[in-house]
Protein backbone atom coordinates (compact mmCIF):
# COMPACT_ATOMS: atom_id res chain seq x y z
CA UNK A 1 18.33 58.58 73.83
CA UNK A 2 19.72 55.96 76.10
CA UNK A 3 17.85 53.40 78.01
CA UNK A 4 18.54 52.65 81.78
CA UNK A 5 20.82 49.89 80.84
CA UNK A 6 22.97 52.12 78.78
CA UNK A 7 22.37 50.22 75.49
CA UNK A 8 20.82 52.05 72.51
CA UNK A 9 17.32 51.74 71.47
CA UNK A 10 17.97 49.94 68.21
CA UNK A 11 19.22 46.91 70.02
CA UNK A 12 15.82 46.24 71.39
CA UNK A 13 14.25 46.54 67.96
CA UNK A 14 16.81 44.36 66.48
CA UNK A 15 16.75 41.77 69.00
CA UNK A 16 12.95 41.11 69.24
CA UNK A 17 13.00 39.34 65.83
CA UNK A 18 14.85 36.64 67.52
CA UNK A 19 12.49 36.04 70.39
CA UNK A 20 10.28 33.02 70.26
CA UNK A 21 7.56 34.01 72.76
CA UNK A 22 5.79 37.33 73.83
CA UNK A 23 7.75 39.39 76.27
CA UNK A 24 7.55 42.88 77.80
CA UNK A 25 10.84 44.78 77.75
CA UNK A 26 10.64 47.31 80.54
CA UNK A 27 14.16 48.32 79.88
CA UNK A 28 13.20 49.82 76.55
CA UNK A 29 11.00 52.55 78.21
CA UNK A 30 11.55 56.16 76.86
CA UNK A 31 13.48 58.40 79.50
CA UNK A 32 12.04 56.21 82.28
CA UNK A 33 8.74 58.26 82.31
CA UNK A 34 7.04 56.50 79.29
CA UNK A 35 4.78 53.51 79.61
CA UNK A 36 6.41 50.20 78.81
CA UNK A 37 5.70 49.02 75.19
CA UNK A 38 4.53 45.31 74.82
CA UNK A 39 6.38 43.74 71.77
CA UNK A 40 4.73 40.85 70.21
CA UNK A 41 6.98 39.49 67.31
CA UNK A 42 5.57 37.63 64.24
CA UNK A 43 6.94 34.15 64.57
CA UNK A 44 7.88 31.92 61.60
CA UNK A 45 7.40 28.32 62.83
CA UNK A 46 7.87 25.14 61.00
CA UNK A 47 4.70 23.28 61.33
CA UNK A 48 5.38 19.91 59.65
CA UNK A 49 4.53 17.24 62.08
CA UNK A 50 2.93 19.80 64.51
CA UNK A 51 -0.93 20.36 64.96
CA UNK A 52 -0.99 24.23 65.08
CA UNK A 53 -4.19 24.21 66.79
CA UNK A 54 -2.77 21.91 69.41
CA UNK A 55 1.02 22.19 69.54
CA UNK A 56 1.29 19.29 71.97
CA UNK A 57 -0.02 16.76 69.32
CA UNK A 58 2.21 15.48 66.53
CA UNK A 59 0.77 15.05 63.08
CA UNK A 60 2.07 12.00 61.08
CA UNK A 61 4.02 13.00 57.97
CA UNK A 62 2.18 12.76 54.61
CA UNK A 63 2.97 9.37 52.93
CA UNK A 64 5.00 9.57 49.70
CA UNK A 65 3.71 7.19 47.07
CA UNK A 66 6.27 4.37 46.40
CA UNK A 67 7.25 4.19 42.57
CA UNK A 68 5.61 1.32 40.56
CA UNK A 69 8.16 -1.37 40.04
CA UNK A 70 9.06 -2.06 36.46
CA UNK A 71 8.59 -5.72 35.70
CA UNK A 72 11.70 -7.66 34.47
CA UNK A 73 11.62 -9.98 31.60
CA UNK A 74 9.90 -13.32 32.05
CA UNK A 75 12.15 -16.20 33.06
CA UNK A 76 13.24 -18.84 30.69
CA UNK A 77 10.77 -21.18 32.13
CA UNK A 78 7.95 -18.80 31.88
CA UNK A 79 8.85 -18.11 28.15
CA UNK A 80 8.97 -21.86 27.46
CA UNK A 81 5.57 -22.32 28.97
CA UNK A 82 4.20 -19.47 26.84
CA UNK A 83 5.81 -20.49 23.54
CA UNK A 84 6.28 -24.21 23.35
CA UNK A 85 2.59 -24.98 22.84
CA UNK A 86 3.00 -23.20 19.35
CA UNK A 87 5.97 -25.14 18.41
CA UNK A 88 5.32 -27.89 15.71
CA UNK A 89 7.19 -31.03 15.19
CA UNK A 90 7.38 -31.86 11.41
CA UNK A 91 7.84 -35.33 10.06
CA UNK A 92 8.08 -36.42 6.42
CA UNK A 93 8.80 -39.83 4.98
CA UNK A 94 12.61 -39.15 4.98
CA UNK A 95 13.29 -36.38 7.62
CA UNK A 96 12.09 -34.28 10.56
CA UNK A 97 12.03 -30.79 11.29
CA UNK A 98 10.42 -27.91 13.33
CA UNK A 99 7.81 -25.23 12.74
CA UNK A 100 5.54 -22.62 14.47
CA UNK A 101 1.84 -22.08 14.32
CA UNK A 102 1.12 -18.59 13.05
CA UNK A 103 -1.96 -16.41 12.34
CA UNK A 104 -4.55 -18.21 10.08
CA UNK A 105 -3.75 -21.64 11.11
CA UNK A 106 -0.55 -22.01 9.05
CA UNK A 107 2.57 -23.67 10.18
CA UNK A 108 5.64 -21.85 9.07
CA UNK A 109 8.71 -23.93 8.38
CA UNK A 110 11.81 -24.30 6.12
CA UNK A 111 11.31 -25.40 2.51
CA UNK A 112 13.99 -27.97 2.79
CA UNK A 113 12.24 -29.62 5.51
CA UNK A 114 9.22 -30.54 3.49
CA UNK A 115 10.99 -30.60 -0.06
CA UNK A 116 8.88 -33.01 -2.05
CA UNK A 117 7.90 -35.26 0.69
CA UNK A 118 4.59 -37.19 -0.16
CA UNK A 119 3.12 -36.83 3.27
CA UNK A 120 3.79 -34.48 5.92
CA UNK A 121 2.87 -35.20 9.67
CA UNK A 122 2.50 -32.29 12.22
CA UNK A 123 2.54 -32.79 16.11
CA UNK A 124 2.15 -30.26 18.77
CA UNK A 125 3.30 -30.74 22.44
CA UNK A 126 -0.19 -31.16 23.65
CA UNK A 127 -0.60 -34.30 21.45
CA UNK A 128 -2.54 -32.54 18.61
CA UNK A 129 -1.67 -34.45 15.47
CA UNK A 130 -2.24 -33.81 11.83
CA UNK A 131 -1.28 -36.89 9.80
CA UNK A 132 -1.60 -35.53 6.26
CA UNK A 133 -0.89 -31.87 6.26
CA UNK A 134 -1.22 -29.89 3.06
CA UNK A 135 1.69 -27.82 1.73
CA UNK A 136 0.11 -24.44 1.08
CA UNK A 137 3.16 -22.47 -0.52
CA UNK A 138 6.80 -22.67 -0.81
CA UNK A 139 9.60 -20.02 -1.32
CA UNK A 140 12.77 -21.64 -2.47
CA UNK A 141 14.93 -18.52 -2.56
CA UNK A 142 14.11 -17.90 1.15
CA UNK A 143 14.04 -21.54 2.16
CA UNK A 144 10.49 -21.10 3.67
CA UNK A 145 7.30 -23.03 3.39
CA UNK A 146 3.58 -22.68 4.70
CA UNK A 147 1.64 -25.73 5.66
CA UNK A 148 -1.97 -25.94 6.33
CA UNK A 149 -4.21 -24.27 7.17
CA UNK A 150 -4.94 -26.58 10.08
CA UNK A 151 -7.63 -26.44 12.75
CA UNK A 152 -6.09 -26.55 16.13
CA UNK A 153 -7.10 -24.83 19.49
CA UNK A 154 -3.54 -23.62 20.22
CA UNK A 155 -1.86 -20.14 20.72
CA UNK A 156 -0.35 -18.61 17.63
CA UNK A 157 2.97 -16.85 17.21
CA UNK A 158 2.69 -13.19 16.32
CA UNK A 159 5.19 -12.27 13.49
CA UNK A 160 4.36 -8.56 13.48
CA UNK A 161 6.63 -7.76 16.25
CA UNK A 162 9.65 -8.51 14.17
CA UNK A 163 8.87 -5.39 12.02
CA UNK A 164 9.69 -3.01 14.71
CA UNK A 165 12.20 -4.82 16.88
CA UNK A 166 15.95 -4.09 16.43
CA UNK A 167 18.06 -7.00 17.80
CA UNK A 168 21.63 -6.17 18.68
CA UNK A 169 24.67 -8.27 19.13
CA UNK A 170 25.29 -9.64 22.78
CA UNK A 171 21.34 -9.85 23.14
CA UNK A 172 20.16 -13.00 24.96
CA UNK A 173 17.92 -15.04 22.64
CA UNK A 174 16.24 -18.45 22.67
CA UNK A 175 15.88 -21.11 19.92
CA UNK A 176 12.79 -23.20 19.96
CA UNK A 177 12.41 -26.45 17.88
CA UNK A 178 12.90 -30.12 17.88
CA UNK A 179 16.75 -31.05 17.36
CA UNK A 180 17.60 -34.70 16.72
CA UNK A 181 14.15 -35.84 17.63
CA UNK A 182 12.98 -39.47 17.35
CA UNK A 183 9.91 -39.72 19.48
CA UNK A 184 6.52 -39.85 17.83
CA UNK A 185 4.97 -37.41 20.22
CA UNK A 186 7.87 -35.18 21.48
CA UNK A 187 8.07 -32.08 23.54
CA UNK A 188 9.88 -28.95 22.07
CA UNK A 189 13.43 -28.01 23.07
CA UNK A 190 14.50 -24.50 23.98
CA UNK A 191 18.13 -23.38 23.81
CA UNK A 192 19.57 -20.13 25.17
CA UNK A 193 22.31 -18.13 23.37
CA UNK A 194 23.31 -14.57 22.23
CA UNK A 195 23.34 -12.66 18.99
CA UNK A 196 26.97 -12.83 17.73
CA UNK A 197 26.52 -10.65 14.60
CA UNK A 198 24.52 -10.06 11.34
CA UNK A 199 25.25 -11.50 7.96
CA UNK A 200 23.82 -10.49 4.51
CA UNK A 201 22.75 -12.46 1.43
CA UNK A 202 24.25 -9.86 -0.84
CA UNK A 203 22.47 -9.96 -4.00
CA UNK A 204 19.17 -10.35 -2.27
CA UNK A 205 19.94 -7.78 0.41
CA UNK A 206 18.44 -10.10 3.15
CA UNK A 207 19.64 -10.12 6.65
CA UNK A 208 20.55 -13.19 8.66
CA UNK A 209 21.30 -13.29 12.38
CA UNK A 210 24.17 -15.34 13.68
CA UNK A 211 23.72 -16.86 17.06
CA UNK A 212 26.16 -18.87 19.18
CA UNK A 213 23.39 -21.45 19.87
CA UNK A 214 23.72 -24.66 17.80
CA UNK A 215 21.07 -25.41 15.15
CA UNK A 216 21.07 -29.24 15.02
CA UNK A 217 19.39 -31.34 12.47
CA UNK A 218 15.63 -31.37 13.01
CA UNK A 219 15.81 -27.73 14.35
CA UNK A 220 15.39 -26.29 10.88
CA UNK A 221 12.20 -24.33 10.68
CA UNK A 222 12.25 -23.44 14.44
CA UNK A 223 12.01 -19.89 15.66
CA UNK A 224 14.27 -17.36 17.55
CA UNK A 225 12.76 -15.19 20.22
CA UNK A 226 13.99 -12.49 22.45
CA UNK A 227 13.75 -12.30 26.29
CA UNK A 228 10.32 -10.77 25.98
CA UNK A 229 9.19 -13.82 23.88
CA UNK A 230 9.00 -11.72 20.69
CA UNK A 231 9.57 -13.42 17.33
CA UNK A 232 13.12 -12.55 15.80
CA UNK A 233 13.38 -15.12 13.00
CA UNK A 234 13.32 -18.54 11.33
CA UNK A 235 16.20 -20.99 12.23
CA UNK A 236 17.54 -23.21 9.66
CA UNK A 237 21.21 -22.72 8.70
CA UNK A 238 24.33 -23.98 10.23
CA UNK A 239 27.42 -21.99 9.93
CA UNK A 240 31.25 -22.88 9.98
CA UNK A 241 33.13 -25.63 11.57
CA UNK A 242 31.78 -24.87 15.05
CA UNK A 243 28.24 -25.05 13.74
CA UNK A 244 27.03 -21.57 14.63
CA UNK A 245 23.41 -20.91 13.86
CA UNK A 246 22.15 -18.62 11.24
CA UNK A 247 18.54 -17.34 11.50
CA UNK A 248 16.62 -15.70 8.77
CA UNK A 249 15.61 -12.13 10.13
CA UNK A 250 12.14 -11.77 11.31
CA UNK A 251 11.38 -8.63 9.36
CA UNK A 252 12.38 -10.53 6.18
CA UNK A 253 10.40 -13.56 7.12
CA UNK A 254 7.32 -11.45 7.65
CA UNK A 255 7.59 -10.06 4.07
CA UNK A 256 8.11 -13.35 2.54
CA UNK A 257 5.19 -14.98 4.43
CA UNK A 258 2.84 -12.03 3.33
CA UNK A 259 3.95 -12.81 -0.36
CA UNK A 260 3.21 -16.57 0.05
CA UNK A 261 -0.25 -15.90 1.47
CA UNK A 262 -0.97 -13.44 -1.29
CA UNK A 263 0.33 -15.56 -4.01
CA UNK A 264 1.01 -19.27 -3.07
CA UNK A 265 3.35 -21.08 -5.15
CA UNK A 266 4.02 -24.90 -4.92
CA UNK A 267 7.04 -26.47 -6.21
CA UNK A 268 5.59 -30.00 -6.33
CA UNK A 269 6.13 -32.51 -8.99
CA UNK A 270 3.33 -33.14 -11.75
CA UNK A 271 2.62 -36.67 -12.82
CA UNK A 272 3.21 -36.84 -16.62
CA UNK A 273 2.82 -40.69 -17.21
CA UNK A 274 5.17 -43.38 -17.90
CA UNK A 275 6.31 -42.18 -21.41
CA UNK A 276 7.59 -38.62 -22.06
CA UNK A 277 9.03 -36.91 -25.10
CA UNK A 278 11.48 -34.19 -24.26
CA UNK A 279 14.27 -32.03 -25.59
CA UNK A 280 17.70 -31.35 -23.99
CA UNK A 281 20.27 -28.77 -25.12
CA UNK A 282 23.89 -29.73 -25.44
CA UNK A 283 25.25 -30.60 -22.05
CA UNK A 284 21.97 -30.21 -20.52
CA UNK A 285 19.81 -32.43 -18.15
CA UNK A 286 16.32 -33.31 -17.23
CA UNK A 287 15.12 -35.03 -14.03
CA UNK A 288 11.88 -36.81 -12.94
CA UNK A 289 10.77 -38.00 -9.45
CA UNK A 290 9.55 -41.62 -9.30
CA UNK A 291 7.77 -43.39 -6.39
CA UNK A 292 8.30 -47.10 -6.47
CA UNK A 293 6.16 -49.02 -3.94
CA UNK A 294 7.87 -52.31 -4.59
CA UNK A 295 11.42 -50.98 -5.16
CA UNK A 296 11.62 -52.05 -8.90
CA UNK A 297 13.10 -49.60 -11.26
CA UNK A 298 13.27 -50.05 -15.06
CA UNK A 299 13.90 -47.12 -17.22
CA UNK A 300 14.95 -46.56 -20.82
CA UNK A 301 15.89 -43.38 -22.98
CA UNK A 302 16.36 -43.33 -26.61
CA UNK A 303 18.04 -40.86 -28.92
CA UNK A 304 20.86 -40.57 -31.55
CA UNK A 305 23.10 -38.43 -29.25
CA UNK A 306 25.13 -39.40 -26.37
CA UNK A 307 22.83 -39.79 -23.26
CA UNK A 308 23.45 -41.10 -19.91
CA UNK A 309 20.86 -42.16 -17.07
CA UNK A 310 21.43 -41.59 -13.35
CA UNK A 311 19.48 -42.70 -10.39
CA UNK A 312 19.63 -40.82 -6.92
CA UNK A 313 17.64 -40.78 -3.85
CA UNK A 314 15.84 -37.55 -2.87
CA UNK A 315 18.66 -36.16 -1.07
CA UNK A 316 20.82 -36.54 -4.18
CA UNK A 317 22.95 -39.53 -3.14
CA UNK A 318 23.73 -41.73 -5.82
CA UNK A 319 22.07 -45.21 -6.07
CA UNK A 320 23.79 -48.24 -7.58
CA UNK A 321 22.05 -49.70 -10.53
CA UNK A 322 22.29 -53.18 -11.94
CA UNK A 323 22.62 -52.36 -15.78
CA UNK A 324 24.92 -49.89 -17.44
CA UNK A 325 28.48 -49.13 -18.10
CA UNK A 326 29.72 -46.16 -16.02
CA UNK A 327 30.70 -43.08 -18.20
CA UNK A 328 29.88 -40.01 -15.90
CA UNK A 329 31.39 -37.03 -17.69
CA UNK A 330 34.36 -39.21 -18.45
CA UNK A 331 35.01 -40.14 -14.89
CA UNK A 332 34.24 -43.64 -13.48
CA UNK A 333 31.76 -43.29 -10.49
CA UNK A 334 30.69 -46.39 -8.49
CA UNK A 335 28.97 -46.93 -5.14
CA UNK A 336 29.53 -50.12 -3.20
CA UNK A 337 30.87 -51.77 -6.27
CA UNK A 338 27.73 -51.17 -8.31
CA UNK A 339 27.46 -48.83 -11.33
CA UNK A 340 25.61 -45.50 -10.79
CA UNK A 341 25.19 -44.18 -14.36
CA UNK A 342 23.71 -46.21 -17.35
CA UNK A 343 25.69 -45.13 -20.45
CA UNK A 344 26.57 -48.29 -22.24
CA UNK A 345 26.44 -46.89 -25.85
CA UNK A 346 27.63 -43.75 -27.44
CA UNK A 347 24.38 -43.17 -29.30
CA UNK A 348 21.02 -45.07 -29.22
CA UNK A 349 19.15 -46.58 -26.30
CA UNK A 350 20.24 -46.48 -22.66
CA UNK A 351 18.71 -48.85 -20.09
CA UNK A 352 18.68 -48.74 -16.47
CA UNK A 353 17.36 -51.51 -14.06
CA UNK A 354 17.55 -51.59 -10.23
CA UNK A 355 15.98 -53.15 -7.20
CA UNK A 356 16.04 -50.56 -4.39
CA UNK A 357 14.19 -49.80 -1.20
CA UNK A 358 10.57 -48.80 -1.83
CA UNK A 359 10.10 -44.92 -1.81
CA UNK A 360 10.90 -42.00 -4.00
CA UNK A 361 13.93 -41.60 -6.20
CA UNK A 362 15.18 -39.19 -8.79
CA UNK A 363 16.06 -40.40 -12.42
CA UNK A 364 18.00 -37.87 -14.59
CA UNK A 365 18.95 -37.87 -18.13
CA UNK A 366 22.22 -36.14 -19.30
CA UNK A 367 23.19 -34.94 -22.81
CA UNK A 368 26.91 -35.47 -22.96
CA UNK A 369 27.16 -33.82 -26.44
CA UNK A 370 28.01 -30.08 -26.31
CA UNK A 371 27.00 -29.35 -29.88
CA UNK A 372 23.85 -31.32 -30.39
CA UNK A 373 20.35 -30.89 -29.04
CA UNK A 374 18.65 -34.22 -27.91
CA UNK A 375 15.02 -34.86 -28.78
CA UNK A 376 14.62 -38.11 -26.86
CA UNK A 377 11.83 -40.29 -25.40
CA UNK A 378 11.98 -41.79 -21.87
CA UNK A 379 9.98 -44.78 -20.68
CA UNK A 380 9.52 -46.20 -17.13
CA UNK A 381 7.44 -48.79 -15.46
CA UNK A 382 6.86 -46.37 -12.67
CA UNK A 383 5.06 -43.05 -13.50
CA UNK A 384 7.15 -40.07 -13.86
CA UNK A 385 6.69 -36.85 -12.19
CA UNK A 386 8.37 -33.80 -13.32
CA UNK A 387 9.23 -30.46 -11.78
CA UNK A 388 8.37 -27.10 -13.52
CA UNK A 389 12.13 -26.22 -14.42
CA UNK A 390 12.05 -23.12 -16.66
CA UNK A 391 15.60 -22.11 -16.41
CA UNK A 392 16.72 -23.54 -19.71
CA UNK A 393 18.48 -21.31 -22.20
CA UNK A 394 17.27 -18.00 -20.65
CA UNK A 395 18.97 -14.88 -21.62
CA UNK A 396 21.56 -13.31 -19.09
CA UNK A 397 21.98 -9.79 -19.44
CA UNK A 398 25.01 -7.98 -18.08
CA UNK A 399 24.56 -5.95 -15.12
CA UNK A 400 20.97 -7.17 -14.29
CA UNK A 401 20.43 -9.62 -11.43
CA UNK A 402 18.55 -12.71 -12.64
CA UNK A 403 16.78 -15.24 -10.39
CA UNK A 404 16.78 -19.02 -10.83
CA UNK A 405 15.53 -22.16 -9.16
CA UNK A 406 17.39 -25.39 -8.78
CA UNK A 407 13.93 -27.40 -8.62
CA UNK A 408 15.41 -30.71 -7.66
CA UNK A 409 18.72 -32.07 -6.25
CA UNK A 410 20.11 -32.89 -9.70
CA UNK A 411 18.90 -29.73 -11.59
CA UNK A 412 21.36 -27.99 -13.81
CA UNK A 413 20.14 -24.54 -15.15
CA UNK A 414 21.48 -23.16 -18.51
CA UNK A 415 21.60 -19.30 -19.09
CA UNK A 416 22.81 -17.72 -22.33
CA UNK A 417 24.97 -14.56 -22.46
CA UNK A 418 26.24 -12.77 -25.66
CA UNK A 419 30.12 -11.95 -24.91
CA UNK A 420 32.81 -10.51 -26.97
CA UNK A 421 36.55 -11.69 -27.13
CA UNK A 422 38.62 -9.61 -24.57
CA UNK A 423 35.72 -8.83 -22.23
CA UNK A 424 36.75 -8.87 -18.54
CA UNK A 425 33.83 -10.73 -16.97
CA UNK A 426 33.00 -11.08 -13.15
CA UNK A 427 30.22 -13.70 -12.44
CA UNK A 428 28.55 -13.95 -9.07
CA UNK A 429 25.94 -16.29 -7.69
CA UNK A 430 24.44 -15.78 -4.22
CA UNK A 431 22.18 -18.41 -2.69
CA UNK A 432 21.44 -20.10 0.55
CA UNK A 433 22.36 -23.33 -1.20
CA UNK A 434 25.87 -24.45 -2.25
CA UNK A 435 26.07 -23.28 -5.86
CA UNK A 436 28.55 -23.74 -8.62
CA UNK A 437 28.84 -22.38 -12.06
CA UNK A 438 30.72 -23.27 -15.19
CA UNK A 439 30.89 -20.94 -18.34
CA UNK A 440 31.53 -22.44 -21.79
CA UNK A 441 32.22 -20.56 -24.98
CA UNK A 442 30.70 -21.02 -28.43
CA UNK A 443 33.00 -23.98 -29.30
CA UNK A 444 32.42 -25.56 -25.89
CA UNK A 445 35.77 -24.50 -24.29
CA UNK A 446 35.66 -23.91 -20.57
CA UNK A 447 35.92 -20.05 -19.98
CA UNK A 448 35.38 -19.81 -16.26
CA UNK A 449 34.02 -21.47 -13.09
CA UNK A 450 33.42 -20.60 -9.49
CA UNK A 451 32.84 -22.04 -6.08
CA UNK A 452 35.34 -20.03 -4.01
CA UNK A 453 34.08 -18.58 -0.77
CA UNK A 454 31.48 -16.00 -1.80
CA UNK A 455 28.23 -15.20 -0.16
CA UNK A 456 26.45 -15.71 3.05
CA UNK A 457 28.42 -18.88 4.23
CA UNK A 458 31.14 -18.80 1.58
CA UNK A 459 29.36 -21.44 -0.49
CA UNK A 460 28.48 -19.02 -3.32
CA UNK A 461 30.27 -18.60 -6.69
CA UNK A 462 32.40 -15.71 -7.80
CA UNK A 463 34.87 -15.80 -10.59
CA UNK A 464 36.61 -13.37 -12.87
CA UNK A 465 37.86 -14.19 -16.35
CA UNK A 466 38.69 -13.00 -19.88
CA UNK A 467 36.47 -14.05 -22.78
CA UNK A 468 38.66 -15.76 -25.43
CA UNK A 469 36.05 -15.95 -28.22
CA UNK A 470 33.09 -13.90 -29.33
CA UNK A 471 29.62 -15.28 -29.45
CA UNK A 472 26.84 -16.85 -27.44
CA UNK A 473 28.22 -18.33 -24.07
CA UNK A 474 26.64 -20.91 -22.06
CA UNK A 475 26.46 -20.33 -18.21
CA UNK A 476 25.55 -23.57 -16.37
CA UNK A 477 24.46 -23.45 -12.77
CA UNK A 478 24.34 -26.42 -10.36
CA UNK A 479 24.72 -27.10 -6.65
CA UNK A 480 26.26 -29.40 -4.24
CA UNK A 481 24.38 -31.13 -1.52
CA UNK A 482 20.89 -32.70 -1.21
CA UNK A 483 18.27 -29.98 -1.17
CA UNK A 484 16.72 -27.67 -3.60
CA UNK A 485 16.70 -23.82 -3.58
CA UNK A 486 16.84 -20.50 -5.34
CA UNK A 487 19.73 -18.41 -6.40
CA UNK A 488 20.58 -14.88 -7.75
CA UNK A 489 23.05 -14.55 -10.65
CA UNK A 490 24.83 -11.32 -11.86
CA UNK A 491 27.13 -11.15 -14.76
CA UNK A 492 29.33 -7.82 -14.95
CA UNK A 493 31.57 -6.64 -17.78
CA UNK A 494 34.46 -4.66 -16.33
């Protein structure tokens, strides 16, 4: 059927869905005689911003919550304000260093900072001072020490974070300590740098963090932190010609501190009097610490083998003596025109006399005879103090890592290994300290030696050689430099 307009009915039905208000389409009647149909379309209207009960009033849009901003890392100034109150300045009779206050009231520092210092003074930036802090424990292998416990109303550094933090090269870090400090009540210094890489003390399997920030004298025992102020490690080593810093990784530090707290060990000398009977193997040595208040030194040693007496300061530097003919392993050695080793007779009594600055010194006796053991007596006008040196003629088993301590700056350890002519031997020594090693056969012949770029900083020892005679070989371990420390030694037969 057609409407009056001549358009088909379906156009009306299709069109009303587009209408936005109610209309009556009269043209859509049926044949002209039907009543008009009122069409009321269902409308779909967007109501956002419109009050449907009152279309003339706008409704404000619903507010979308702003995301909570994530705070960035604290500034360097904020970190310094947070961390520096826990930073300790450490002073001994001969040196200065750094440390941090940790849980329990202990001050964590490097072993080489405190060494055998008779008194240890600790100062914090707020002026808190401990004039005679006790040494609680020492770890010569890791070069760590704990002082205290002390009572101080100060914040403490949490070491626990180091166990779950994984630092990466390129990360910004901060060193806290007291480099080159001379003031009596100083303020801590903070230095910014980045992590350069990681290094490993191989035979120990310990990790060290290399940073581009300089670790200057006095900063040993300080601490490394990340941008959140979390502990990353203990500073203490300088690396290479450009003096990069090496930091003992915080996870390792945490483990070593736990061991020291559980089983404290003190590497401090024991007073043994002014007359001591002792025994030395061939080419062996023994040292004592003396403390002379007036600077007068008078020491004698007596035996029927070739012995020599030597005097050094606590850093290992030779001190000239007034009496004695120099015969130091066959090489003349003098300092400032004075003699340094008393060895004026091939056998019998050796005497050393000197007038030095008051303080602590180390006197050492050397047995120059390779074939004879010395049973000697040493006498001194100043009481002798001895270190517990146990690495004397201990067995060294091939393929097994052994652990030794260089207890004082003149210590020379002796290990014994049973080897066969023709054996191809590799000998390695790994240490934070600068070590050296000499191997002698049963007849005293030199079989091998090493100090050739091995280890953490290239100051370890590694040598490969062929055994030329069967029997018991003597492996002598020593060190260069002026501090004590531990080492790991491994002898392998190829």
